[in-house]
Amino acid sequence: MIGRLNHVAIAVPDLRPPRQPIATLWARRSPHPEDLPEHGVTVVFVELPNTKIELLHPLGAGSPIEAFLAKSPSGGIHHVCYEVDDIRAARDRLRAQGARVLGDGEPRIGAHGKPVLFLHPKDFSGTLVELEQA
């Protein structure tokens, strides 16, 4: 049901490359940030050989990343994303096992143009989980 790790998302207060050791990762980043107004974020992806790192920055007032950065001003891991073959079947199976789906429970189109949804962190040891249809 749950497939491979697609990406780890890190909330960042600034999308410009940092002047610290993590800057080596930024050399592999996508060239242009992408605004996702329906999610309230701007994203940049860092491509690694075995997965991706998604850098999240607030887009507009009320962004969920704005609230995250208010609690953790220097940023940090926001969520992990796993691939699934059929997002609705995965959602239904997880719900039957007691997992809570955030929002209205219907998948929305994510950064890769594919359906995504989020699962409540309290059901996953405090980790926000995103599912993306592969």
Protein backbone atom coordinates (compact mmCIF):
# COMPACT_ATOMS: atom_id res chain seq x y z
CA MET A 1 0.00 0.00 0.00
CA ILE A 2 2.61 2.60 1.06
CA GLY A 3 5.40 2.81 -1.49
CA ARG A 4 8.79 4.45 -1.54
CA LEU A 5 9.73 7.69 0.17
CA ASN A 6 9.10 10.46 -2.36
CA HIS A 7 10.50 13.40 -0.37
CA VAL A 8 11.16 14.97 2.99
CA ALA A 9 9.77 18.51 3.29
CA ILE A 10 11.67 21.15 5.24
CA ALA A 11 10.09 24.50 6.11
CA VAL A 12 12.57 27.33 5.50
CA PRO A 13 12.40 31.01 6.44
CA ASP A 14 14.24 31.99 3.25
CA LEU A 15 14.52 30.31 -0.16
CA ARG A 16 17.92 31.82 -0.89
CA PRO A 17 20.80 29.36 -0.46
CA PRO A 18 22.16 29.41 3.10
CA ARG A 19 25.78 30.01 4.07
CA GLN A 20 26.16 26.84 6.08
CA PRO A 21 26.91 23.14 5.48
CA ILE A 22 23.45 22.42 4.05
CA ALA A 23 24.35 24.76 1.17
CA THR A 24 25.94 21.80 -0.64
CA LEU A 25 22.43 20.37 -1.02
CA TRP A 26 21.25 23.58 -2.64
CA ALA A 27 23.58 23.03 -5.56
CA ARG A 28 21.22 20.24 -6.67
CA ARG A 29 18.02 22.25 -6.31
CA SER A 30 15.56 22.96 -9.07
CA PRO A 31 16.30 26.27 -10.76
CA HIS A 32 13.02 28.02 -10.01
CA PRO A 33 10.71 28.15 -7.02
CA GLU A 34 7.14 27.08 -7.75
CA ASP A 35 4.18 28.84 -6.14
CA LEU A 36 1.32 26.57 -5.07
CA PRO A 37 -1.42 29.02 -4.01
CA GLU A 38 -3.93 26.25 -3.27
CA HIS A 39 -1.50 24.93 -0.63
CA GLY A 40 -0.24 28.34 0.54
CA VAL A 41 3.41 27.54 -0.19
CA THR A 42 6.31 28.18 -2.50
CA VAL A 43 8.39 25.05 -3.09
CA VAL A 44 11.87 24.26 -4.35
CA PHE A 45 13.02 20.68 -4.83
CA VAL A 46 16.52 19.38 -4.19
CA GLU A 47 17.09 16.24 -6.27
CA LEU A 48 19.13 13.51 -4.59
CA PRO A 49 20.03 10.09 -6.03
CA ASN A 50 17.46 8.23 -3.91
CA THR A 51 14.80 10.85 -3.02
CA LYS A 52 14.06 14.57 -2.97
CA ILE A 53 14.12 17.31 -0.36
CA GLU A 54 11.24 19.77 -0.68
CA LEU A 55 11.95 23.24 0.67
CA LEU A 56 8.72 24.95 1.77
CA HIS A 57 8.28 28.69 2.19
CA PRO A 58 5.06 30.54 3.10
CA LEU A 59 3.03 31.98 0.24
CA GLY A 60 0.53 34.56 1.41
CA ALA A 61 -1.15 35.21 4.72
CA GLY A 62 -2.51 32.17 6.49
CA SER A 63 0.01 29.76 5.00
CA PRO A 64 0.44 26.61 7.11
CA ILE A 65 4.19 27.13 6.77
CA GLU A 66 3.87 30.62 8.26
CA ALA A 67 2.39 29.04 11.40
CA PHE A 68 5.12 26.37 11.44
CA LEU A 69 7.87 29.01 11.18
CA ALA A 70 6.26 31.06 13.96
CA LYS A 71 6.91 28.08 16.25
CA SER A 72 10.29 27.18 14.70
CA PRO A 73 11.77 30.38 13.24
CA SER A 74 14.87 28.70 11.82
CA GLY A 75 12.74 26.07 10.05
CA GLY A 76 12.74 22.30 10.28
CA ILE A 77 11.25 19.08 8.98
CA HIS A 78 7.59 19.65 8.15
CA HIS A 79 6.46 16.32 6.68
CA VAL A 80 7.44 13.13 4.88
CA CYS A 81 5.81 12.03 1.64
CA TYR A 82 5.24 8.45 0.54
CA GLU A 83 4.10 7.24 -2.85
CA VAL A 84 0.96 5.15 -3.28
CA ASP A 85 -0.43 3.50 -6.40
CA ASP A 86 -4.05 4.49 -5.76
CA ILE A 87 -4.49 7.43 -3.39
CA ARG A 88 -8.22 6.89 -2.75
CA ALA A 89 -7.74 3.18 -2.01
CA ALA A 90 -4.83 4.02 0.32
CA ARG A 91 -6.93 6.70 2.03
CA ASP A 92 -9.84 4.33 2.53
CA ARG A 93 -7.64 1.54 3.87
CA LEU A 94 -5.86 3.90 6.29
CA ARG A 95 -9.16 5.37 7.48
CA ALA A 96 -10.46 1.85 8.13
CA GLN A 97 -7.37 1.35 10.32
CA GLY A 98 -8.17 4.52 12.29
CA ALA A 99 -5.97 7.11 10.55
CA ARG A 100 -7.38 10.62 10.13
CA VAL A 101 -7.15 12.41 6.81
CA LEU A 102 -6.74 16.19 7.03
CA GLY A 103 -9.02 18.63 5.23
CA ASP A 104 -12.09 17.32 3.48
CA GLY A 105 -10.38 14.00 2.77
CA GLU A 106 -10.33 14.50 -0.97
CA PRO A 107 -6.98 14.50 -2.78
CA ARG A 108 -5.72 17.80 -4.19
CA ILE A 109 -3.14 18.34 -6.91
CA GLY A 110 0.36 18.75 -5.43
CA ALA A 111 3.71 20.10 -6.59
CA HIS A 112 4.33 17.28 -9.06
CA GLY A 113 0.90 17.65 -10.66
CA LYS A 114 -0.25 14.47 -8.93
CA PRO A 115 -3.00 13.90 -6.33
CA VAL A 116 -1.89 14.30 -2.71
CA LEU A 117 -3.44 14.24 0.74
CA PHE A 118 -2.18 14.58 4.30
CA LEU A 119 -2.63 12.34 7.32
CA HIS A 120 -2.93 13.61 10.89
CA PRO A 121 0.43 13.65 12.70
CA LYS A 122 -1.11 12.31 15.93
CA ASP A 123 -1.76 9.04 14.12
CA PHE A 124 1.90 8.72 13.00
CA SER A 125 4.01 9.38 16.10
CA GLY A 126 3.83 13.16 15.64
CA THR A 127 4.84 13.10 11.97
CA LEU A 128 2.74 14.81 9.31
CA VAL A 129 2.48 12.33 6.42
CA GLU A 130 1.72 13.21 2.83
CA LEU A 131 0.60 10.58 0.33
CA GLU A 132 1.22 11.18 -3.37
CA GLN A 133 -0.23 9.03 -6.10
CA ALA A 134 2.69 7.66 -8.12
